[in-house]
């Protein structure tokens, strides 16, 4: 299913988020926090770990990154904008949702989910930074595995994420991350590795290799390597000059990466 066709019945949440293609809609009531300076997102939602191949783990982008200048980027693939007042109000709401340590408490009676990803929520304001992490959040939602406040925070971010994916603009950058992983099988015969593109050199986990490229090298990767836009693991197979079979994909880097 393509990301732009996802319908989650969250139209009201989208409108409340004040998200638009340029500058936002009517702002939400001003929050009580001031937005910090610096390149890092003021709100970030990411996933770590989980049962994915080494290459997909190395390439996986944050699900949502919101910056102080109003830029909102979903999956390093789509972008939109929020007003400063809306972002400040969102931070205030998230800080309220995630206040205290009980928000990540999980009953011992609920079995752990093996190989589930860890959800990480990061909030930055001039008051400081707050990081909240919890494993198997989505997998345990039906069992009310975590307090409602954690799910409220995620639903706020999910509403913005889906608005950006369905109504935003494509996100691009002059910098990309190129990743390969060992792959002896593929749906189609492997293609020759592009002769104009150097193989990634930085060693990752599980045999994955990656490089962060800019300018001409980034343009060459975009031009010659097929991208897994849907983030579903459909990577193209390539045969390297040494005869090795690898699977490869790339994504645009975020402004702070």
Protein backbone atom coordinates (compact mmCIF):
# COMPACT_ATOMS: atom_id res chain seq x y z
CA UNK A 1 0.00 0.00 0.00
CA UNK A 2 1.44 3.34 -1.00
CA UNK A 3 2.05 5.78 1.81
CA UNK A 4 -0.01 8.52 0.19
CA UNK A 5 -3.08 6.25 0.16
CA UNK A 6 -3.12 5.62 3.91
CA UNK A 7 -6.36 6.81 5.49
CA UNK A 8 -6.54 6.73 9.26
CA UNK A 9 -9.62 8.82 9.90
CA UNK A 10 -7.59 11.57 11.50
CA UNK A 11 -8.79 14.56 9.49
CA UNK A 12 -9.67 16.47 12.62
CA UNK A 13 -6.21 15.86 14.01
CA UNK A 14 -4.65 17.06 10.77
CA UNK A 15 -6.56 20.32 10.91
CA UNK A 16 -5.66 20.82 14.56
CA UNK A 17 -2.00 20.35 13.69
CA UNK A 18 -2.11 23.44 11.47
CA UNK A 19 0.06 21.77 8.85
CA UNK A 20 0.19 23.07 5.28
CA UNK A 21 2.36 23.23 2.19
CA UNK A 22 3.63 26.72 2.91
CA UNK A 23 3.65 28.35 6.27
CA UNK A 24 0.78 26.51 7.95
CA UNK A 25 -2.91 27.29 8.34
CA UNK A 26 -4.44 29.23 11.21
CA UNK A 27 -2.06 28.79 14.14
CA UNK A 28 -3.01 26.94 17.26
CA UNK A 29 -2.95 28.90 20.54
CA UNK A 30 0.58 29.95 21.38
CA UNK A 31 2.45 27.53 23.61
CA UNK A 32 4.26 28.41 26.81
CA UNK A 33 7.67 27.34 25.54
CA UNK A 34 10.26 29.11 23.43
CA UNK A 35 11.86 27.27 20.53
CA UNK A 36 15.61 26.69 20.80
CA UNK A 37 18.19 27.52 18.19
CA UNK A 38 20.48 24.98 16.57
CA UNK A 39 20.13 22.46 13.75
CA UNK A 40 18.55 19.58 15.70
CA UNK A 41 14.79 18.98 15.47
CA UNK A 42 12.66 20.42 18.26
CA UNK A 43 10.41 17.36 17.98
CA UNK A 44 11.56 14.00 16.63
CA UNK A 45 9.85 10.62 16.40
CA UNK A 46 12.07 7.70 15.46
CA UNK A 47 12.28 3.93 15.71
CA UNK A 48 15.35 1.90 16.59
CA UNK A 49 15.98 -1.83 16.39
CA UNK A 50 13.35 -4.33 15.40
CA UNK A 51 13.26 -7.25 13.02
CA UNK A 52 14.69 -5.63 9.90
CA UNK A 53 17.67 -6.43 7.73
CA UNK A 54 20.95 -4.73 8.56
CA UNK A 55 20.69 -2.50 5.51
CA UNK A 56 17.19 -1.30 6.33
CA UNK A 57 18.22 -0.55 9.90
CA UNK A 58 21.15 1.51 8.61
CA UNK A 59 18.95 3.42 6.18
CA UNK A 60 15.82 3.90 8.32
CA UNK A 61 15.01 7.61 8.71
CA UNK A 62 13.16 9.30 11.56
CA UNK A 63 9.42 8.96 11.08
CA UNK A 64 8.95 12.65 11.79
CA UNK A 65 11.30 15.58 12.37
CA UNK A 66 10.01 19.06 13.18
CA UNK A 67 12.44 21.99 13.12
CA UNK A 68 12.34 25.40 14.77
CA UNK A 69 12.10 27.12 11.37
CA UNK A 70 8.75 25.35 10.74
CA UNK A 71 10.01 22.61 8.43
CA UNK A 72 8.39 19.21 8.98
CA UNK A 73 9.89 16.11 7.31
CA UNK A 74 8.26 12.68 7.30
CA UNK A 75 10.31 9.55 6.54
CA UNK A 76 12.95 11.72 4.82
CA UNK A 77 10.56 11.60 1.86
CA UNK A 78 7.89 14.29 2.25
CA UNK A 79 7.93 17.78 3.76
CA UNK A 80 5.56 20.50 4.88
CA UNK A 81 5.48 23.45 7.30
CA UNK A 82 4.06 24.38 10.69
CA UNK A 83 3.78 27.82 12.23
CA UNK A 84 5.96 28.67 15.21
CA UNK A 85 2.87 29.02 17.41
CA UNK A 86 1.65 25.58 16.39
CA UNK A 87 5.03 24.00 17.14
CA UNK A 88 5.21 25.69 20.54
CA UNK A 89 1.71 24.47 21.36
CA UNK A 90 2.59 20.96 20.18
CA UNK A 91 5.66 20.89 22.44
CA UNK A 92 3.56 22.01 25.40
CA UNK A 93 1.02 19.26 24.70
CA UNK A 94 3.72 16.61 24.31
CA UNK A 95 5.48 17.70 27.48
CA UNK A 96 2.18 17.34 29.32
CA UNK A 97 1.54 13.90 27.79
CA UNK A 98 5.02 12.63 28.55
CA UNK A 99 5.53 14.19 31.96
CA UNK A 100 7.05 11.83 34.53
CA UNK A 101 8.43 8.33 34.23
CA UNK A 102 5.16 6.41 34.53
CA UNK A 103 4.33 7.08 30.89
CA UNK A 104 6.67 4.25 29.83
CA UNK A 105 5.53 1.84 32.56
CA UNK A 106 4.38 -1.53 31.25
CA UNK A 107 2.60 -4.15 33.32
CA UNK A 108 4.61 -7.27 34.08
CA UNK A 109 1.50 -9.25 33.11
CA UNK A 110 1.90 -8.21 29.48
CA UNK A 111 4.37 -10.43 27.65
CA UNK A 112 7.30 -8.83 25.89
CA UNK A 113 7.26 -8.72 22.10
CA UNK A 114 10.40 -10.23 20.62
CA UNK A 115 12.26 -8.12 18.03
CA UNK A 116 9.84 -5.20 18.31
CA UNK A 117 11.27 -1.74 17.59
CA UNK A 118 11.81 0.89 20.26
CA UNK A 119 9.87 4.12 19.85
CA UNK A 120 11.93 7.21 20.73
CA UNK A 121 10.33 10.63 21.17
CA UNK A 122 12.62 13.65 21.58
CA UNK A 123 11.39 17.12 22.56
CA UNK A 124 13.62 20.20 22.71
CA UNK A 125 12.80 23.65 24.04
CA UNK A 126 14.73 26.41 25.74
CA UNK A 127 13.80 24.64 28.97
CA UNK A 128 15.90 21.62 27.96
CA UNK A 129 15.56 18.28 26.20
CA UNK A 130 13.30 15.36 27.01
CA UNK A 131 13.73 11.86 25.56
CA UNK A 132 11.09 9.16 26.02
CA UNK A 133 11.65 5.61 24.77
CA UNK A 134 9.57 2.44 24.99
CA UNK A 135 9.66 -0.91 23.20
CA UNK A 136 6.80 -2.47 21.22
CA UNK A 137 4.52 0.53 21.65
CA UNK A 138 2.41 -0.12 18.55
CA UNK A 139 2.45 -3.87 19.02
CA UNK A 140 0.98 -3.52 22.53
CA UNK A 141 -1.57 -0.80 21.77
CA UNK A 142 -4.51 -3.24 21.53
CA UNK A 143 -3.63 -4.53 25.00
CA UNK A 144 -3.25 -1.02 26.44
CA UNK A 145 0.34 -1.97 27.04
CA UNK A 146 1.36 1.57 27.99
CA UNK A 147 -0.44 4.47 29.67
CA UNK A 148 -2.91 6.40 27.52
CA UNK A 149 -0.72 9.52 27.71
CA UNK A 150 2.00 7.86 25.64
CA UNK A 151 -0.48 6.87 22.97
CA UNK A 152 -1.97 10.38 23.04
CA UNK A 153 1.48 11.80 22.29
CA UNK A 154 2.02 9.34 19.45
CA UNK A 155 -1.40 10.08 17.99
CA UNK A 156 -0.60 13.79 17.91
CA UNK A 157 2.55 13.05 15.94
CA UNK A 158 0.83 10.46 13.75
CA UNK A 159 -1.75 13.03 12.69
CA UNK A 160 0.99 15.42 11.58
CA UNK A 161 2.95 12.60 9.92
CA UNK A 162 -0.01 11.49 7.83
CA UNK A 163 -0.83 15.05 6.82
CA UNK A 164 2.72 15.54 5.57
CA UNK A 165 2.72 12.22 3.70
CA UNK A 166 -0.66 12.75 2.04
CA UNK A 167 -0.61 16.51 1.37
CA UNK A 168 3.00 17.64 1.58
CA UNK A 169 5.67 18.09 -1.04
CA UNK A 170 8.49 15.67 -1.92
CA UNK A 171 11.52 16.22 0.28
CA UNK A 172 14.91 16.45 -1.40
CA UNK A 173 18.40 17.38 -0.29
CA UNK A 174 21.88 17.80 -1.74
CA UNK A 175 23.04 15.02 0.61
CA UNK A 176 22.07 11.35 0.62
CA UNK A 177 22.86 8.17 2.54
CA UNK A 178 23.76 5.21 0.33
CA UNK A 179 23.53 1.74 1.88
CA UNK A 180 24.31 -1.75 0.61
CA UNK A 181 23.77 -5.12 2.26
CA UNK A 182 24.70 -8.66 1.19
CA UNK A 183 22.02 -10.12 -1.04
CA UNK A 184 22.41 -13.42 -2.88
CA UNK A 185 18.79 -13.48 -4.03
CA UNK A 186 16.61 -10.89 -5.71
CA UNK A 187 13.28 -10.84 -7.60
CA UNK A 188 15.17 -10.07 -10.83
CA UNK A 189 18.73 -10.75 -11.98
CA UNK A 190 21.22 -8.31 -10.46
CA UNK A 191 22.23 -5.25 -12.40
CA UNK A 192 25.87 -4.20 -12.81
CA UNK A 193 26.95 -1.81 -10.08
CA UNK A 194 27.08 1.72 -11.60
CA UNK A 195 30.58 2.31 -12.90
CA UNK A 196 30.44 6.00 -11.97
CA UNK A 197 29.61 5.35 -8.31
CA UNK A 198 32.04 4.17 -5.63
CA UNK A 199 30.90 1.37 -3.34
CA UNK A 200 30.03 2.47 0.21
CA UNK A 201 32.97 1.98 2.56
CA UNK A 202 31.75 2.62 6.11
CA UNK A 203 31.11 -0.69 7.86
CA UNK A 204 27.71 -1.14 9.48
CA UNK A 205 26.14 -4.02 11.36
CA UNK A 206 25.39 -7.35 9.71
CA UNK A 207 27.55 -6.73 6.67
CA UNK A 208 25.84 -3.47 5.72
CA UNK A 209 27.99 -0.69 4.30
CA UNK A 210 27.06 2.96 4.05
CA UNK A 211 28.34 6.35 3.01
CA UNK A 212 26.90 9.84 3.37
CA UNK A 213 27.37 11.61 0.05
CA UNK A 214 27.01 15.23 -1.02
CA UNK A 215 26.97 17.32 -4.16
CA UNK A 216 28.02 15.41 -7.30
CA UNK A 217 28.44 12.07 -5.54
CA UNK A 218 24.93 12.40 -4.11
CA UNK A 219 23.50 13.28 -7.53
CA UNK A 220 25.22 10.24 -9.02
CA UNK A 221 23.68 7.94 -6.39
CA UNK A 222 20.22 9.40 -7.03
CA UNK A 223 20.69 8.97 -10.78
CA UNK A 224 22.02 5.41 -10.83
CA UNK A 225 20.65 3.52 -7.79
CA UNK A 226 17.00 2.61 -7.43
CA UNK A 227 15.41 3.99 -4.27
CA UNK A 228 13.09 2.07 -1.95
CA UNK A 229 10.63 4.96 -1.67
CA UNK A 230 8.01 2.94 0.20
CA UNK A 231 10.56 1.77 2.82
CA UNK A 232 9.30 -1.80 2.48
CA UNK A 233 12.61 -3.50 1.74
CA UNK A 234 12.17 -3.76 -2.04
CA UNK A 235 15.83 -3.12 -2.79
CA UNK A 236 17.35 -3.70 -6.22
CA UNK A 237 20.14 -6.27 -6.54
CA UNK A 238 23.52 -5.32 -8.02
CA UNK A 239 26.65 -7.23 -8.99
CA UNK A 240 29.81 -5.45 -7.89
CA UNK A 241 33.01 -5.38 -9.99
CA UNK A 242 34.41 -8.12 -7.73
CA UNK A 243 31.40 -10.35 -8.45
CA UNK A 244 29.68 -9.85 -5.08
CA UNK A 245 25.88 -9.57 -5.08
CA UNK A 246 24.50 -6.75 -2.95
CA UNK A 247 21.19 -5.02 -2.50
CA UNK A 248 21.22 -1.24 -2.36
CA UNK A 249 19.09 1.79 -1.69
CA UNK A 250 19.48 5.40 -0.58
CA UNK A 251 17.58 8.20 1.11
CA UNK A 252 17.94 11.94 1.49
CA UNK A 253 19.67 13.09 4.66
CA UNK A 254 17.86 15.41 7.04
CA UNK A 255 19.22 18.92 7.65
CA UNK A 256 20.81 17.91 10.96
CA UNK A 257 22.33 14.62 9.78
